[in-house]
Amino acid sequence: MKIFLALLFFSSPSAFALSYEIVGACEERPLYQGQHPAGAASAGAATIEILEKLGLPFQGSEGGINSILHTPVGDEALEILSDTEMRAYGWCFEVDGLQPDVMPDKIPLRGSERLRWFYAFSHYKAGEWVSYCEPAYLVRPASLCPSGTKP
């Protein structure tokens, strides 16, 4: 019986599936989420497979994502708050709840991880970067979020 249960668990399609979420700028709830079959060599490769499978417009590669769903890039992704303060927006990722300090193509996968991409900002104030990869829904950037959107 134990062998049967072990075989059942290991043959289950979700036993070796990557869970993913894509969280936008305006609310904590994921815009997209699901399971992706194991097999991608890295978090970057899995990301490209997922975005292509979903048919989402994006800019980037396995090494990093610049835009999903036409989010701004370059100077358009900067929010100037004052002469000494700004927010720079972009996409950040986590694997199993941790933000790696390397690019997604450098993160090998076993197949059962939780991959989360979220639109985020880094905060620059008085000559210093004071935070990195803060979820954008915490501030709901006016350029992307309708005034009625609540986090």
Protein backbone atom coordinates (compact mmCIF):
# COMPACT_ATOMS: atom_id res chain seq x y z
CA MET A 1 0.00 0.00 0.00
CA LYS A 2 2.83 2.44 0.87
CA ILE A 3 4.48 1.79 -2.49
CA PHE A 4 1.18 2.43 -4.27
CA LEU A 5 0.73 5.78 -2.47
CA ALA A 6 4.31 6.81 -3.23
CA LEU A 7 3.83 5.97 -6.92
CA LEU A 8 0.54 7.85 -6.97
CA PHE A 9 2.19 10.94 -5.44
CA PHE A 10 5.18 10.91 -7.77
CA SER A 11 3.08 10.29 -10.85
CA SER A 12 0.72 13.15 -10.02
CA PRO A 13 1.01 15.96 -12.61
CA SER A 14 1.18 18.63 -9.91
CA ALA A 15 3.90 16.82 -7.93
CA PHE A 16 6.56 18.21 -10.27
CA ALA A 17 4.91 21.37 -11.51
CA LEU A 18 6.14 24.88 -11.01
CA SER A 19 3.57 27.21 -9.44
CA TYR A 20 3.63 30.73 -10.80
CA GLU A 21 2.08 34.13 -10.17
CA ILE A 22 2.31 37.39 -12.07
CA VAL A 23 1.33 40.38 -9.93
CA GLY A 24 0.70 43.76 -11.52
CA ALA A 25 1.09 47.35 -10.39
CA CYS A 26 -2.25 48.02 -8.77
CA GLU A 27 -3.22 45.17 -6.46
CA GLU A 28 -1.73 42.30 -4.54
CA ARG A 29 -3.99 39.72 -6.18
CA PRO A 30 -2.18 38.01 -9.09
CA LEU A 31 -3.20 38.93 -12.62
CA TYR A 32 -2.20 35.42 -13.71
CA GLN A 33 -1.42 32.27 -11.76
CA GLY A 34 -1.20 28.60 -12.41
CA GLN A 35 0.96 25.53 -12.75
CA HIS A 36 3.65 24.99 -15.36
CA PRO A 37 5.07 21.53 -16.13
CA ALA A 38 8.53 20.81 -14.77
CA GLY A 39 11.34 20.72 -17.26
CA ALA A 40 12.65 24.26 -17.64
CA ALA A 41 16.33 24.50 -16.74
CA SER A 42 16.07 27.86 -14.98
CA ALA A 43 13.63 30.40 -13.56
CA GLY A 44 14.36 32.54 -16.62
CA ALA A 45 13.57 29.75 -19.08
CA ALA A 46 10.36 28.89 -17.21
CA THR A 47 9.34 32.56 -17.24
CA ILE A 48 9.69 32.82 -21.02
CA GLU A 49 7.75 29.56 -21.48
CA ILE A 50 4.95 30.80 -19.22
CA LEU A 51 4.68 34.24 -20.84
CA GLU A 52 4.62 32.71 -24.32
CA LYS A 53 2.08 30.06 -23.28
CA LEU A 54 -0.20 32.77 -21.85
CA GLY A 55 0.28 34.90 -24.97
CA LEU A 56 1.31 37.94 -22.91
CA PRO A 57 3.25 40.74 -24.55
CA PHE A 58 6.66 41.13 -22.91
CA GLN A 59 10.14 42.51 -23.40
CA GLY A 60 13.09 40.62 -22.04
CA SER A 61 14.84 37.29 -22.07
CA GLU A 62 15.76 34.43 -19.76
CA GLY A 63 18.24 36.85 -18.17
CA GLY A 64 15.56 39.31 -17.07
CA ILE A 65 12.17 40.82 -17.87
CA ASN A 66 11.87 44.51 -18.72
CA SER A 67 8.14 44.71 -19.42
CA ILE A 68 5.03 42.55 -19.20
CA LEU A 69 1.69 43.77 -20.55
CA HIS A 70 3.28 46.96 -21.93
CA THR A 71 4.52 48.31 -18.60
CA PRO A 72 6.81 51.32 -19.10
CA VAL A 73 10.57 50.97 -19.61
CA GLY A 74 13.45 53.42 -19.54
CA ASP A 75 12.71 57.02 -18.56
CA GLU A 76 8.97 56.30 -18.68
CA ALA A 77 9.45 53.90 -15.75
CA LEU A 78 10.73 56.68 -13.48
CA GLU A 79 8.45 58.55 -11.10
CA ILE A 80 10.06 61.81 -10.01
CA LEU A 81 8.79 62.74 -6.56
CA SER A 82 11.05 65.76 -5.90
CA ASP A 83 14.48 67.11 -6.76
CA THR A 84 16.03 64.47 -4.49
CA GLU A 85 13.60 61.58 -4.63
CA MET A 86 12.26 59.14 -7.23
CA ARG A 87 10.93 55.65 -7.78
CA ALA A 88 12.27 53.45 -10.58
CA TYR A 89 9.77 50.77 -11.65
CA GLY A 90 10.38 47.34 -13.15
CA TRP A 91 9.80 43.63 -12.71
CA CYS A 92 11.21 41.63 -9.81
CA PHE A 93 10.93 37.93 -9.06
CA GLU A 94 10.98 35.53 -6.15
CA VAL A 95 11.54 31.80 -6.00
CA ASP A 96 9.90 30.11 -3.03
CA GLY A 97 9.37 33.51 -1.39
CA LEU A 98 13.01 34.63 -1.64
CA GLN A 99 14.44 37.30 -3.93
CA PRO A 100 17.65 35.88 -5.40
CA ASP A 101 20.63 38.17 -5.86
CA VAL A 102 21.25 36.83 -9.38
CA MET A 103 19.32 37.02 -12.63
CA PRO A 104 16.57 34.43 -13.33
CA ASP A 105 18.65 32.51 -15.88
CA LYS A 106 21.10 31.69 -13.06
CA ILE A 107 18.45 30.04 -10.83
CA PRO A 108 18.23 26.28 -11.54
CA LEU A 109 14.85 24.63 -11.01
CA ARG A 110 13.88 21.24 -9.62
CA GLY A 111 10.32 21.63 -10.87
CA SER A 112 8.28 22.12 -7.70
CA GLU A 113 9.16 25.74 -6.90
CA ARG A 114 6.90 28.75 -6.56
CA LEU A 115 7.89 31.47 -9.05
CA ARG A 116 6.43 34.93 -8.49
CA TRP A 117 6.95 37.93 -10.77
CA PHE A 118 5.71 41.28 -9.50
CA TYR A 119 5.81 44.85 -10.73
CA ALA A 120 7.92 46.77 -8.25
CA PHE A 121 9.90 49.91 -7.52
CA SER A 122 13.24 50.85 -6.09
CA HIS A 123 13.23 54.03 -4.05
CA TYR A 124 15.97 56.66 -4.43
CA LYS A 125 16.16 59.45 -1.85
CA ALA A 126 18.80 62.07 -1.09
CA GLY A 127 21.54 60.30 -3.04
CA GLU A 128 20.85 56.75 -1.81
CA TRP A 129 18.82 53.77 -2.94
CA VAL A 130 16.78 53.16 0.21
CA SER A 131 14.76 50.15 -0.98
CA TYR A 132 14.67 47.62 -3.79
CA CYS A 133 11.91 45.51 -5.29
CA GLU A 134 9.05 46.92 -3.22
CA PRO A 135 5.72 45.79 -4.70
CA ALA A 136 4.23 48.62 -6.78
CA TYR A 137 0.72 47.92 -5.45
CA LEU A 138 1.89 49.41 -2.13
CA VAL A 139 1.93 52.86 -3.77
CA ARG A 140 -0.32 52.19 -6.82
CA PRO A 141 1.49 54.39 -9.38
CA ALA A 142 -0.99 56.92 -10.78
CA SER A 143 0.31 56.41 -14.33
CA LEU A 144 -0.84 52.76 -14.27
CA CYS A 145 -3.60 52.46 -11.68
CA PRO A 146 -7.10 53.87 -12.01
CA SER A 147 -7.98 56.15 -9.09
CA GLY A 148 -10.61 53.68 -7.85
CA THR A 149 -8.17 50.77 -7.52
CA LYS A 150 -7.52 49.69 -3.96
CA PRO A 151 -4.64 47.47 -2.79
